[in-house]
C-alpha cells in the first residue's frame, strides 16, 4: 500500500529506525546490582517475604541496639543545641525545657547519687 501513495516519498513510509533491535544488542548493558543491603523495608505491605522470614527479622531487630541520630542525641543533652547549631535562636519551648532540665539536675545533685554506678 505504501508504494501506491502519492503524498510523499517512499522513505516516509518505510520502517527504518522503527525496527526492533537485536537481542544481542539489548543484553549488553550491565544489570543493576542485585540484592543490595537494606533493600527490603520492614513495614512494606507489598514485600513478598514470608511470615517466617518477617518473624526472624523482628527477632533479630529486638536484639540490635536502637540507633539514635546525631541531632536526637544532641537534643537529649541540651534542648537548645540543635537550633543554635543551625544558626537560629532556640524556641521558647526549648528554652523552658533547658531550664527544667537544669532544675532537675540540681535536684538530683541535692538528693545524691543512687542506683548502680
PDB file of N, CA and C in Angstrom:
ATOM      1  N   UNK A   1       0.818  -1.174   0.000  1.00  0.00           N
ATOM      2  CA  UNK A   1       0.000   0.000   0.000  1.00  0.00           C
ATOM      3  C   UNK A   1       0.869   1.247   0.000  1.00  0.00           C
ATOM      4  N   UNK A   2       2.037   1.191   0.659  1.00  0.00           N
ATOM      5  CA  UNK A   2       2.869   2.381   0.735  1.00  0.00           C
ATOM      6  C   UNK A   2       3.407   2.780  -0.631  1.00  0.00           C
ATOM      7  N   UNK A   3       3.508   1.840  -1.526  1.00  0.00           N
ATOM      8  CA  UNK A   3       4.010   2.165  -2.861  1.00  0.00           C
ATOM      9  C   UNK A   3       3.010   2.906  -3.712  1.00  0.00           C
ATOM     10  N   UNK A   4       1.724   2.840  -3.403  1.00  0.00           N
ATOM     11  CA  UNK A   4       0.707   3.457  -4.243  1.00  0.00           C
ATOM     12  C   UNK A   4       0.323   4.853  -3.774  1.00  0.00           C
ATOM     13  N   UNK A   5       0.882   5.339  -2.684  1.00  0.00           N
ATOM     14  CA  UNK A   5       0.521   6.651  -2.162  1.00  0.00           C
ATOM     15  C   UNK A   5       1.184   7.742  -2.986  1.00  0.00           C
ATOM     16  N   UNK A   6       0.510   8.862  -3.143  1.00  0.00           N
ATOM     17  CA  UNK A   6       1.078   9.983  -3.879  1.00  0.00           C
ATOM     18  C   UNK A   6       1.356  11.172  -2.961  1.00  0.00           C
ATOM     19  N   UNK A   7       1.339  10.942  -1.639  1.00  0.00           N
ATOM     20  CA  UNK A   7       1.516  12.026  -0.684  1.00  0.00           C
ATOM     21  C   UNK A   7       2.988  12.341  -0.455  1.00  0.00           C
ATOM     22  N   UNK A   8       3.820  11.332  -0.360  1.00  0.00           N
ATOM     23  CA  UNK A   8       5.220  11.583  -0.071  1.00  0.00           C
ATOM     24  C   UNK A   8       6.095  10.506  -0.659  1.00  0.00           C
ATOM     25  N   UNK A   9       7.384  10.646  -0.434  1.00  0.00           N
ATOM     26  CA  UNK A   9       8.323   9.656  -0.955  1.00  0.00           C
ATOM     27  C   UNK A   9       8.262   8.369  -0.162  1.00  0.00           C
ATOM     28  N   UNK A  10       8.952   7.361  -0.679  1.00  0.00           N
ATOM     29  CA  UNK A  10       8.926   6.040  -0.063  1.00  0.00           C
ATOM     30  C   UNK A  10       9.541   6.057   1.337  1.00  0.00           C
ATOM     31  N   UNK A  11      10.534   6.893   1.590  1.00  0.00           N
ATOM     32  CA  UNK A  11      11.230   6.927   2.863  1.00  0.00           C
ATOM     33  C   UNK A  11      10.326   7.266   4.030  1.00  0.00           C
ATOM     34  N   UNK A  12       9.256   7.978   3.761  1.00  0.00           N
ATOM     35  CA  UNK A  12       8.334   8.358   4.816  1.00  0.00           C
ATOM     36  C   UNK A  12       7.606   7.139   5.360  1.00  0.00           C
ATOM     37  N   UNK A  13       7.332   6.160   4.535  1.00  0.00           N
ATOM     38  CA  UNK A  13       6.503   5.025   4.921  1.00  0.00           C
ATOM     39  C   UNK A  13       7.298   3.792   5.309  1.00  0.00           C
ATOM     40  N   UNK A  14       8.585   3.793   5.122  1.00  0.00           N
ATOM     41  CA  UNK A  14       9.380   2.615   5.473  1.00  0.00           C
ATOM     42  C   UNK A  14       9.697   2.616   6.960  1.00  0.00           C
ATOM     43  N   UNK A  15       9.895   1.440   7.519  1.00  0.00           N
ATOM     44  CA  UNK A  15      10.118   1.306   8.954  1.00  0.00           C
ATOM     45  C   UNK A  15      11.422   1.969   9.399  1.00  0.00           C
ATOM     46  N   UNK A  16      12.509   1.741   8.717  1.00  0.00           N
ATOM     47  CA  UNK A  16      13.785   2.374   9.009  1.00  0.00           C
ATOM     48  C   UNK A  16      14.176   2.292  10.472  1.00  0.00           C
ATOM     49  N   UNK A  17      14.109   3.397  11.177  1.00  0.00           N
ATOM     50  CA  UNK A  17      14.549   3.447  12.574  1.00  0.00           C
ATOM     51  C   UNK A  17      13.544   2.831  13.537  1.00  0.00           C
ATOM     52  N   UNK A  18      12.398   2.396  13.062  1.00  0.00           N
ATOM     53  CA  UNK A  18      11.385   1.849  13.953  1.00  0.00           C
ATOM     54  C   UNK A  18      11.480   0.334  14.108  1.00  0.00           C
ATOM     55  N   UNK A  19      12.486  -0.272  13.551  1.00  0.00           N
ATOM     56  CA  UNK A  19      12.628  -1.718  13.665  1.00  0.00           C
ATOM     57  C   UNK A  19      13.130  -2.092  15.053  1.00  0.00           C
ATOM     58  N   UNK A  20      12.789  -3.294  15.477  1.00  0.00           N
ATOM     59  CA  UNK A  20      13.232  -3.785  16.783  1.00  0.00           C
ATOM     60  C   UNK A  20      14.725  -4.051  16.766  1.00  0.00           C
ATOM     61  N   UNK A  21      15.364  -3.790  17.898  1.00  0.00           N
ATOM     62  CA  UNK A  21      16.797  -4.052  17.991  1.00  0.00           C
ATOM     63  C   UNK A  21      17.026  -5.533  18.239  1.00  0.00           C
ATOM     64  N   UNK A  22      18.225  -5.989  17.955  1.00  0.00           N
ATOM     65  CA  UNK A  22      18.562  -7.398  18.135  1.00  0.00           C
ATOM     66  C   UNK A  22      18.755  -7.686  19.621  1.00  0.00           C
ATOM     67  N   UNK A  23      18.483  -8.921  20.031  1.00  0.00           N
ATOM     68  CA  UNK A  23      18.654  -9.323  21.426  1.00  0.00           C
ATOM     69  C   UNK A  23      20.108  -9.202  21.864  1.00  0.00           C
ATOM     70  N   UNK A  24      21.031  -9.433  20.954  1.00  0.00           N
ATOM     71  CA  UNK A  24      22.442  -9.361  21.322  1.00  0.00           C
ATOM     72  C   UNK A  24      22.836  -7.928  21.690  1.00  0.00           C
ATOM     73  N   UNK A  25      22.144  -6.940  21.159  1.00  0.00           N
ATOM     74  CA  UNK A  25      22.446  -5.543  21.479  1.00  0.00           C
ATOM     75  C   UNK A  25      21.803  -5.113  22.804  1.00  0.00           C
ATOM     76  N   UNK A  26      20.619  -5.601  23.109  1.00  0.00           N
ATOM     77  CA  UNK A  26      19.913  -5.157  24.310  1.00  0.00           C
ATOM     78  C   UNK A  26      20.465  -5.777  25.582  1.00  0.00           C
ATOM     79  N   UNK A  27      21.020  -6.970  25.540  1.00  0.00           N
ATOM     80  CA  UNK A  27      21.509  -7.641  26.737  1.00  0.00           C
ATOM     81  C   UNK A  27      22.954  -7.287  27.071  1.00  0.00           C
ATOM     82  N   UNK A  28      23.530  -6.331  26.395  1.00  0.00           N
ATOM     83  CA  UNK A  28      24.924  -5.961  26.621  1.00  0.00           C
ATOM     84  C   UNK A  28      25.074  -5.158  27.909  1.00  0.00           C
ATOM     85  N   UNK A  29      24.091  -4.350  28.290  1.00  0.00           N
ATOM     86  CA  UNK A  29      24.195  -3.467  29.451  1.00  0.00           C
ATOM     87  C   UNK A  29      24.301  -4.278  30.739  1.00  0.00           C
ATOM     88  N   UNK A  30      25.095  -3.779  31.690  1.00  0.00           N
ATOM     89  CA  UNK A  30      25.244  -4.444  32.980  1.00  0.00           C
ATOM     90  C   UNK A  30      23.943  -4.340  33.759  1.00  0.00           C
ATOM     91  N   UNK A  31      23.635  -5.414  34.470  1.00  0.00           N
ATOM     92  CA  UNK A  31      22.430  -5.388  35.293  1.00  0.00           C
ATOM     93  C   UNK A  31      22.700  -4.586  36.544  1.00  0.00           C
ATOM     94  N   UNK A  32      21.654  -4.046  37.092  1.00  0.00           N
ATOM     95  CA  UNK A  32      21.764  -3.287  38.327  1.00  0.00           C
ATOM     96  C   UNK A  32      22.190  -4.237  39.435  1.00  0.00           C
ATOM     97  N   UNK A  33      22.960  -3.753  40.386  1.00  0.00           N
ATOM     98  CA  UNK A  33      23.471  -4.595  41.468  1.00  0.00           C
ATOM     99  C   UNK A  33      22.300  -5.240  42.200  1.00  0.00           C
ATOM    100  N   UNK A  34      22.268  -6.559  42.188  1.00  0.00           N
ATOM    101  CA  UNK A  34      21.146  -7.266  42.791  1.00  0.00           C
ATOM    102  C   UNK A  34      21.392  -7.517  44.271  1.00  0.00           C
ATOM    103  N   UNK A  35      20.339  -7.573  45.028  1.00  0.00           N
ATOM    104  CA  UNK A  35      20.414  -7.938  46.429  1.00  0.00           C
ATOM    105  C   UNK A  35      21.177  -6.956  47.287  1.00  0.00           C
ATOM    106  N   UNK A  36      20.900  -5.685  47.122  1.00  0.00           N
ATOM    107  CA  UNK A  36      21.602  -4.694  47.921  1.00  0.00           C
ATOM    108  C   UNK A  36      21.146  -4.762  49.374  1.00  0.00           C
ATOM    109  N   UNK A  37      22.047  -4.440  50.321  1.00  0.00           N
ATOM    110  CA  UNK A  37      21.635  -4.469  51.731  1.00  0.00           C
ATOM    111  C   UNK A  37      20.568  -3.406  52.000  1.00  0.00           C
ATOM    112  N   UNK A  38      19.677  -3.714  52.934  1.00  0.00           N
ATOM    113  CA  UNK A  38      18.577  -2.827  53.326  1.00  0.00           C
ATOM    114  C   UNK A  38      17.623  -2.518  52.181  1.00  0.00           C
ATOM    115  N   UNK A  39      17.516  -3.425  51.213  1.00  0.00           N
ATOM    116  CA  UNK A  39      16.613  -3.174  50.097  1.00  0.00           C
ATOM    117  C   UNK A  39      15.167  -3.494  50.454  1.00  0.00           C
ATOM    118  N   UNK A  40      14.948  -4.224  51.538  1.00  0.00           N
ATOM    119  CA  UNK A  40      13.594  -4.519  51.994  1.00  0.00           C
ATOM    120  C   UNK A  40      13.227  -3.580  53.131  1.00  0.00           C
ATOM    121  N   UNK A  41      12.073  -2.990  53.045  1.00  0.00           N
ATOM    122  CA  UNK A  41      11.570  -2.175  54.139  1.00  0.00           C
ATOM    123  C   UNK A  41      10.766  -3.083  55.060  1.00  0.00           C
ATOM    124  N   UNK A  42      11.000  -2.959  56.348  1.00  0.00           N
ATOM    125  CA  UNK A  42      10.371  -3.874  57.303  1.00  0.00           C
ATOM    126  C   UNK A  42       8.850  -3.771  57.291  1.00  0.00           C
ATOM    127  N   UNK A  43       8.307  -2.588  57.084  1.00  0.00           N
ATOM    128  CA  UNK A  43       6.853  -2.402  57.136  1.00  0.00           C
ATOM    129  C   UNK A  43       6.214  -2.292  55.765  1.00  0.00           C
ATOM    130  N   UNK A  44       6.890  -2.751  54.730  1.00  0.00           N
ATOM    131  CA  UNK A  44       6.370  -2.654  53.373  1.00  0.00           C
ATOM    132  C   UNK A  44       5.277  -3.689  53.164  1.00  0.00           C
ATOM    133  N   UNK A  45       4.056  -3.225  52.877  1.00  0.00           N
ATOM    134  CA  UNK A  45       2.933  -4.151  52.718  1.00  0.00           C
ATOM    135  C   UNK A  45       3.041  -4.951  51.423  1.00  0.00           C
ATOM    136  N   UNK A  46       3.797  -4.460  50.458  1.00  0.00           N
ATOM    137  CA  UNK A  46       3.923  -5.154  49.182  1.00  0.00           C
ATOM    138  C   UNK A  46       5.136  -6.081  49.140  1.00  0.00           C
ATOM    139  N   UNK A  47       5.862  -6.150  50.228  1.00  0.00           N
ATOM    140  CA  UNK A  47       7.019  -7.011  50.310  1.00  0.00           C
ATOM    141  C   UNK A  47       6.536  -8.459  50.343  1.00  0.00           C
ATOM    142  N   UNK A  48       7.128  -9.305  49.544  1.00  0.00           N
ATOM    143  CA  UNK A  48       6.637 -10.669  49.413  1.00  0.00           C
ATOM    144  C   UNK A  48       7.403 -11.666  50.279  1.00  0.00           C
ATOM    145  N   UNK A  49       8.041 -11.199  51.334  1.00  0.00           N
ATOM    146  CA  UNK A  49       8.729 -12.120  52.229  1.00  0.00           C
ATOM    147  C   UNK A  49       7.695 -12.932  53.006  1.00  0.00           C
ATOM    148  N   UNK A  50       8.075 -14.136  53.345  1.00  0.00           N
ATOM    149  CA  UNK A  50       7.146 -14.995  54.074  1.00  0.00           C
ATOM    150  C   UNK A  50       7.007 -14.527  55.521  1.00  0.00           C
ATOM    151  N   UNK A  51       5.974 -15.015  56.182  1.00  0.00           N
ATOM    152  CA  UNK A  51       5.744 -14.645  57.573  1.00  0.00           C
ATOM    153  C   UNK A  51       6.910 -15.121  58.435  1.00  0.00           C
ATOM    154  N   UNK A  52       7.440 -16.307  58.133  1.00  0.00           N
ATOM    155  CA  UNK A  52       8.574 -16.832  58.901  1.00  0.00           C
ATOM    156  C   UNK A  52       9.786 -15.917  58.766  1.00  0.00           C
ATOM    157  N   UNK A  53      10.027 -15.414  57.563  1.00  0.00           N
ATOM    158  CA  UNK A  53      11.159 -14.501  57.360  1.00  0.00           C
ATOM    159  C   UNK A  53      10.941 -13.190  58.108  1.00  0.00           C
ATOM    160  N   UNK A  54       9.705 -12.704  58.117  1.00  0.00           N
ATOM    161  CA  UNK A  54       9.413 -11.460  58.829  1.00  0.00           C
ATOM    162  C   UNK A  54       9.598 -11.651  60.337  1.00  0.00           C
ATOM    163  N   UNK A  55       9.160 -12.793  60.858  1.00  0.00           N
ATOM    164  CA  UNK A  55       9.322 -13.068  62.284  1.00  0.00           C
ATOM    165  C   UNK A  55      10.794 -13.204  62.656  1.00  0.00           C
ATOM    166  N   UNK A  56      11.572 -13.831  61.795  1.00  0.00           N
ATOM    167  CA  UNK A  56      13.009 -13.968  62.064  1.00  0.00           C
ATOM    168  C   UNK A  56      13.675 -12.596  62.077  1.00  0.00           C
ATOM    169  N   UNK A  57      13.266 -11.741  61.171  1.00  0.00           N
ATOM    170  CA  UNK A  57      13.836 -10.390  61.110  1.00  0.00           C
ATOM    171  C   UNK A  57      13.490  -9.598  62.369  1.00  0.00           C
ATOM    172  N   UNK A  58      12.245  -9.702  62.822  1.00  0.00           N
ATOM    173  CA  UNK A  58      11.845  -8.987  64.030  1.00  0.00           C
ATOM    174  C   UNK A  58      12.611  -9.497  65.246  1.00  0.00           C
ATOM    175  N   UNK A  59      12.873 -10.803  65.279  1.00  0.00           N
ATOM    176  CA  UNK A  59      13.663 -11.360  66.371  1.00  0.00           C
ATOM    177  C   UNK A  59      15.075 -10.784  66.390  1.00  0.00           C
ATOM    178  N   UNK A  60      15.660 -10.616  65.226  1.00  0.00           N
ATOM    179  CA  UNK A  60      16.998 -10.015  65.138  1.00  0.00           C
ATOM    180  C   UNK A  60      16.958  -8.543  65.525  1.00  0.00           C
ATOM    181  N   UNK A  61      15.908  -7.855  65.112  1.00  0.00           N
ATOM    182  CA  UNK A  61      15.798  -6.417  65.399  1.00  0.00           C
ATOM    183  C   UNK A  61      15.702  -6.145  66.895  1.00  0.00           C
ATOM    184  N   UNK A  62      15.048  -7.035  67.638  1.00  0.00           N
ATOM    185  CA  UNK A  62      14.893  -6.830  69.072  1.00  0.00           C
ATOM    186  C   UNK A  62      16.222  -6.909  69.793  1.00  0.00           C
ATOM    187  N   UNK A  63      17.153  -7.702  69.273  1.00  0.00           N
ATOM    188  CA  UNK A  63      18.451  -7.833  69.933  1.00  0.00           C
ATOM    189  C   UNK A  63      19.426  -6.725  69.503  1.00  0.00           C
ATOM    190  N   UNK A  64      19.133  -6.036  68.415  1.00  0.00           N
ATOM    191  CA  UNK A  64      20.002  -4.955  67.945  1.00  0.00           C
ATOM    192  C   UNK A  64      19.750  -3.688  68.759  1.00  0.00           C
ATOM    193  N   UNK A  65      20.804  -2.924  69.059  1.00  0.00           N
ATOM    194  CA  UNK A  65      20.583  -1.652  69.758  1.00  0.00           C
ATOM    195  C   UNK A  65      19.944  -0.630  68.812  1.00  0.00           C
ATOM    196  N   UNK A  66      19.088   0.210  69.372  1.00  0.00           N
ATOM    197  CA  UNK A  66      18.434   1.233  68.548  1.00  0.00           C
ATOM    198  C   UNK A  66      19.423   2.344  68.241  1.00  0.00           C
ATOM    199  N   UNK A  67      19.443   2.752  66.992  1.00  0.00           N
ATOM    200  CA  UNK A  67      20.341   3.823  66.587  1.00  0.00           C
ATOM    201  C   UNK A  67      19.659   5.166  66.819  1.00  0.00           C
ATOM    202  N   UNK A  68      20.375   6.077  67.450  1.00  0.00           N
ATOM    203  CA  UNK A  68      19.850   7.412  67.704  1.00  0.00           C
ATOM    204  C   UNK A  68      20.615   8.381  66.814  1.00  0.00           C
ATOM    205  N   UNK A  69      19.883   9.237  66.120  1.00  0.00           N
ATOM    206  CA  UNK A  69      20.535  10.182  65.230  1.00  0.00           C
ATOM    207  C   UNK A  69      21.361  11.189  66.030  1.00  0.00           C
ATOM    208  N   UNK A  70      22.253  11.852  65.338  1.00  0.00           N
ATOM    209  CA  UNK A  70      23.147  12.810  65.992  1.00  0.00           C
ATOM    210  C   UNK A  70      22.350  13.953  66.623  1.00  0.00           C
ATOM    211  N   UNK A  71      21.355  14.445  65.898  1.00  0.00           N
ATOM    212  CA  UNK A  71      20.550  15.553  66.417  1.00  0.00           C
ATOM    213  C   UNK A  71      19.722  15.128  67.628  1.00  0.00           C
ATOM    214  N   UNK A  72      19.219  13.886  67.622  1.00  0.00           N
ATOM    215  CA  UNK A  72      18.437  13.411  68.759  1.00  0.00           C
ATOM    216  C   UNK A  72      19.325  13.295  69.998  1.00  0.00           C
ATOM    217  N   UNK A  73      20.556  12.837  69.805  1.00  0.00           N
ATOM    218  CA  UNK A  73      21.485  12.736  70.930  1.00  0.00           C
ATOM    219  C   UNK A  73      21.826  14.128  71.467  1.00  0.00           C
ATOM    220  N   UNK A  74      22.007  15.095  70.571  1.00  0.00           N
ATOM    221  CA  UNK A  74      22.281  16.477  70.985  1.00  0.00           C
ATOM    222  C   UNK A  74      21.100  17.047  71.753  1.00  0.00           C
ATOM    223  N   UNK A  75      19.898  16.744  71.289  1.00  0.00           N
ATOM    224  CA  UNK A  75      18.689  17.273  71.929  1.00  0.00           C
ATOM    225  C   UNK A  75      18.537  16.734  73.347  1.00  0.00           C
ATOM    226  N   UNK A  76      18.964  15.481  73.570  1.00  0.00           N
ATOM    227  CA  UNK A  76      18.870  14.909  74.908  1.00  0.00           C
ATOM    228  C   UNK A  76      19.831  15.602  75.867  1.00  0.00           C
ATOM    229  N   UNK A  77      20.977  16.062  75.361  1.00  0.00           N
ATOM    230  CA  UNK A  77      21.952  16.752  76.207  1.00  0.00           C
ATOM    231  C   UNK A  77      21.520  18.192  76.488  1.00  0.00           C
ATOM    232  N   UNK A  78      21.142  18.910  75.418  1.00  0.00           N
ATOM    233  CA  UNK A  78      20.761  20.316  75.552  1.00  0.00           C
ATOM    234  C   UNK A  78      19.654  20.615  74.545  1.00  0.00           C
ATOM    235  N   UNK A  79      18.442  20.937  75.016  1.00  0.00           N
ATOM    236  CA  UNK A  79      17.323  21.166  74.098  1.00  0.00           C
ATOM    237  C   UNK A  79      17.527  22.360  73.157  1.00  0.00           C
ATOM    238  N   UNK A  80      18.390  23.293  73.509  1.00  0.00           N
ATOM    239  CA  UNK A  80      18.594  24.471  72.659  1.00  0.00           C
ATOM    240  C   UNK A  80      19.705  24.267  71.641  1.00  0.00           C
ATOM    241  N   UNK A  81      20.460  23.179  71.768  1.00  0.00           N
ATOM    242  CA  UNK A  81      21.632  22.970  70.918  1.00  0.00           C
ATOM    243  C   UNK A  81      21.311  22.805  69.429  1.00  0.00           C
ATOM    244  N   UNK A  82      20.306  22.021  69.031  1.00  0.00           N
ATOM    245  CA  UNK A  82      20.035  21.880  67.593  1.00  0.00           C
ATOM    246  C   UNK A  82      19.730  23.216  66.903  1.00  0.00           C
ATOM    247  N   UNK A  83      18.953  24.078  67.568  1.00  0.00           N
ATOM    248  CA  UNK A  83      18.617  25.372  66.969  1.00  0.00           C
ATOM    249  C   UNK A  83      19.875  26.227  66.827  1.00  0.00           C
ATOM    250  N   UNK A  84      20.708  26.228  67.861  1.00  0.00           N
ATOM    251  CA  UNK A  84      21.932  27.032  67.795  1.00  0.00           C
ATOM    252  C   UNK A  84      22.913  26.481  66.761  1.00  0.00           C
ATOM    253  N   UNK A  85      22.941  25.171  66.584  1.00  0.00           N
ATOM    254  CA  UNK A  85      23.812  24.581  65.560  1.00  0.00           C
ATOM    255  C   UNK A  85      23.412  25.013  64.158  1.00  0.00           C
ATOM    256  N   UNK A  86      22.126  25.261  63.960  1.00  0.00           N
ATOM    257  CA  UNK A  86      21.633  25.697  62.650  1.00  0.00           C
ATOM    258  C   UNK A  86      21.620  27.216  62.515  1.00  0.00           C
ATOM    259  N   UNK A  87      22.148  27.907  63.520  1.00  0.00           N
ATOM    260  CA  UNK A  87      22.239  29.363  63.444  1.00  0.00           C
ATOM    261  C   UNK A  87      20.947  30.072  63.790  1.00  0.00           C
ATOM    262  N   UNK A  88      20.056  29.415  64.516  1.00  0.00           N
ATOM    263  CA  UNK A  88      18.777  30.016  64.880  1.00  0.00           C
ATOM    264  C   UNK A  88      18.698  30.232  66.384  1.00  0.00           C
ATOM    265  N   UNK A  89      17.800  31.118  66.772  1.00  0.00           N
ATOM    266  CA  UNK A  89      17.550  31.301  68.202  1.00  0.00           C
ATOM    267  C   UNK A  89      16.636  30.173  68.661  1.00  0.00           C
ATOM    268  N   UNK A  90      16.942  29.553  69.795  1.00  0.00           N
ATOM    269  CA  UNK A  90      16.084  28.470  70.290  1.00  0.00           C
ATOM    270  C   UNK A  90      14.672  28.966  70.572  1.00  0.00           C
ATOM    271  N   UNK A  91      13.716  28.078  70.394  1.00  0.00           N
ATOM    272  CA  UNK A  91      12.323  28.439  70.624  1.00  0.00           C
ATOM    273  C   UNK A  91      12.061  28.592  72.123  1.00  0.00           C
ATOM    274  N   UNK A  92      10.909  29.177  72.420  1.00  0.00           N
ATOM    275  CA  UNK A  92      10.532  29.389  73.813  1.00  0.00           C
ATOM    276  C   UNK A  92      10.419  28.050  74.544  1.00  0.00           C
ATOM    277  N   UNK A  93       9.837  27.053  73.869  1.00  0.00           N
ATOM    278  CA  UNK A  93       9.691  25.728  74.464  1.00  0.00           C
ATOM    279  C   UNK A  93      11.035  25.080  74.747  1.00  0.00           C
ATOM    280  N   UNK A  94      11.991  25.253  73.823  1.00  0.00           N
ATOM    281  CA  UNK A  94      13.326  24.682  74.026  1.00  0.00           C
ATOM    282  C   UNK A  94      14.023  25.350  75.206  1.00  0.00           C
ATOM    283  N   UNK A  95      13.817  26.663  75.354  1.00  0.00           N
ATOM    284  CA  UNK A  95      14.420  27.370  76.480  1.00  0.00           C
ATOM    285  C   UNK A  95      13.817  26.883  77.799  1.00  0.00           C
ATOM    286  N   UNK A  96      12.507  26.691  77.824  1.00  0.00           N
ATOM    287  CA  UNK A  96      11.830  26.188  79.027  1.00  0.00           C
ATOM    288  C   UNK A  96      12.316  24.777  79.349  1.00  0.00           C
ATOM    289  N   UNK A  97      12.443  23.939  78.301  1.00  0.00           N
ATOM    290  CA  UNK A  97      12.943  22.581  78.506  1.00  0.00           C
ATOM    291  C   UNK A  97      14.342  22.593  79.106  1.00  0.00           C
ATOM    292  N   UNK A  98      15.192  23.506  78.637  1.00  0.00           N
ATOM    293  CA  UNK A  98      16.554  23.610  79.162  1.00  0.00           C
ATOM    294  C   UNK A  98      16.527  24.009  80.639  1.00  0.00           C
ATOM    295  N   UNK A  99      15.638  24.944  80.993  1.00  0.00           N
ATOM    296  CA  UNK A  99      15.520  25.365  82.388  1.00  0.00           C
ATOM    297  C   UNK A  99      15.051  24.205  83.271  1.00  0.00           C
ATOM    298  N   UNK A 100      14.048  23.474  82.805  1.00  0.00           N
ATOM    299  CA  UNK A 100      13.526  22.339  83.577  1.00  0.00           C
ATOM    300  C   UNK A 100      14.606  21.278  83.741  1.00  0.00           C
ATOM    301  N   UNK A 101      15.330  21.011  82.656  1.00  0.00           N
ATOM    302  CA  UNK A 101      16.394  20.013  82.722  1.00  0.00           C
ATOM    303  C   UNK A 101      17.468  20.425  83.729  1.00  0.00           C
ATOM    304  N   UNK A 102      17.814  21.694  83.734  1.00  0.00           N
ATOM    305  CA  UNK A 102      18.825  22.205  84.669  1.00  0.00           C
ATOM    306  C   UNK A 102      18.327  22.083  86.114  1.00  0.00           C
ATOM    307  N   UNK A 103      17.060  22.434  86.340  1.00  0.00           N
ATOM    308  CA  UNK A 103      16.483  22.325  87.686  1.00  0.00           C
ATOM    309  C   UNK A 103      16.468  20.880  88.173  1.00  0.00           C
ATOM    310  N   UNK A 104      16.113  19.963  87.285  1.00  0.00           N
ATOM    311  CA  UNK A 104      16.071  18.552  87.663  1.00  0.00           C
ATOM    312  C   UNK A 104      17.461  18.027  87.992  1.00  0.00           C
ATOM    313  N   UNK A 105      18.475  18.455  87.232  1.00  0.00           N
ATOM    314  CA  UNK A 105      19.848  18.030  87.519  1.00  0.00           C
ATOM    315  C   UNK A 105      20.303  18.548  88.883  1.00  0.00           C
ATOM    316  N   UNK A 106      19.930  19.799  89.222  1.00  0.00           N
ATOM    317  CA  UNK A 106      20.278  20.356  90.525  1.00  0.00           C
ATOM    318  C   UNK A 106      19.596  19.585  91.648  1.00  0.00           C
ATOM    319  N   UNK A 107      18.327  19.211  91.433  1.00  0.00           N
ATOM    320  CA  UNK A 107      17.597  18.454  92.447  1.00  0.00           C
ATOM    321  C   UNK A 107      18.242  17.087  92.664  1.00  0.00           C
ATOM    322  N   UNK A 108      18.660  16.440  91.570  1.00  0.00           N
ATOM    323  CA  UNK A 108      19.298  15.136  91.694  1.00  0.00           C
ATOM    324  C   UNK A 108      20.637  15.239  92.412  1.00  0.00           C
ATOM    325  N   UNK A 109      21.364  16.339  92.185  1.00  0.00           N
ATOM    326  CA  UNK A 109      22.648  16.534  92.882  1.00  0.00           C
ATOM    327  C   UNK A 109      22.412  16.738  94.377  1.00  0.00           C
ATOM    328  N   UNK A 110      21.315  17.434  94.725  1.00  0.00           N
ATOM    329  CA  UNK A 110      20.982  17.645  96.134  1.00  0.00           C
ATOM    330  C   UNK A 110      20.676  16.329  96.834  1.00  0.00           C
ATOM    331  N   UNK A 111      19.889  15.504  96.144  1.00  0.00           N
ATOM    332  CA  UNK A 111      19.468  14.235  96.726  1.00  0.00           C
ATOM    333  C   UNK A 111      20.642  13.262  96.835  1.00  0.00           C
ATOM    334  N   UNK A 112      21.597  13.394  95.980  1.00  0.00           N
ATOM    335  CA  UNK A 112      22.741  12.492  95.970  1.00  0.00           C
ATOM    336  C   UNK A 112      22.581  11.389  94.952  1.00  0.00           C
ATOM    337  N   UNK A 113      23.682  10.717  94.717  1.00  0.00           N
ATOM    338  CA  UNK A 113      23.681   9.660  93.712  1.00  0.00           C
ATOM    339  C   UNK A 113      23.034   8.406  94.297  1.00  0.00           C
ATOM    340  N   UNK A 114      22.281   7.706  93.472  1.00  0.00           N
ATOM    341  CA  UNK A 114      21.679   6.460  93.886  1.00  0.00           C
ATOM    342  C   UNK A 114      21.659   5.528  92.683  1.00  0.00           C
ATOM    343  N   UNK A 115      21.492   4.253  92.972  1.00  0.00           N
ATOM    344  CA  UNK A 115      21.444   3.262  91.906  1.00  0.00           C
ATOM    345  C   UNK A 115      22.834   2.782  91.536  1.00  0.00           C
ATOM    346  N   UNK A 116      22.903   1.893  90.538  1.00  0.00           N
ATOM    347  CA  UNK A 116      24.211   1.350  90.137  1.00  0.00           C
ATOM    348  C   UNK A 116      25.082   2.419  89.481  1.00  0.00           C
ATOM    349  N   UNK A 117      26.376   2.314  89.743  1.00  0.00           N
ATOM    350  CA  UNK A 117      27.306   3.302  89.168  1.00  0.00           C
ATOM    351  C   UNK A 117      28.008   2.733  87.977  1.00  0.00           C
TER     352      UNK A 117
END
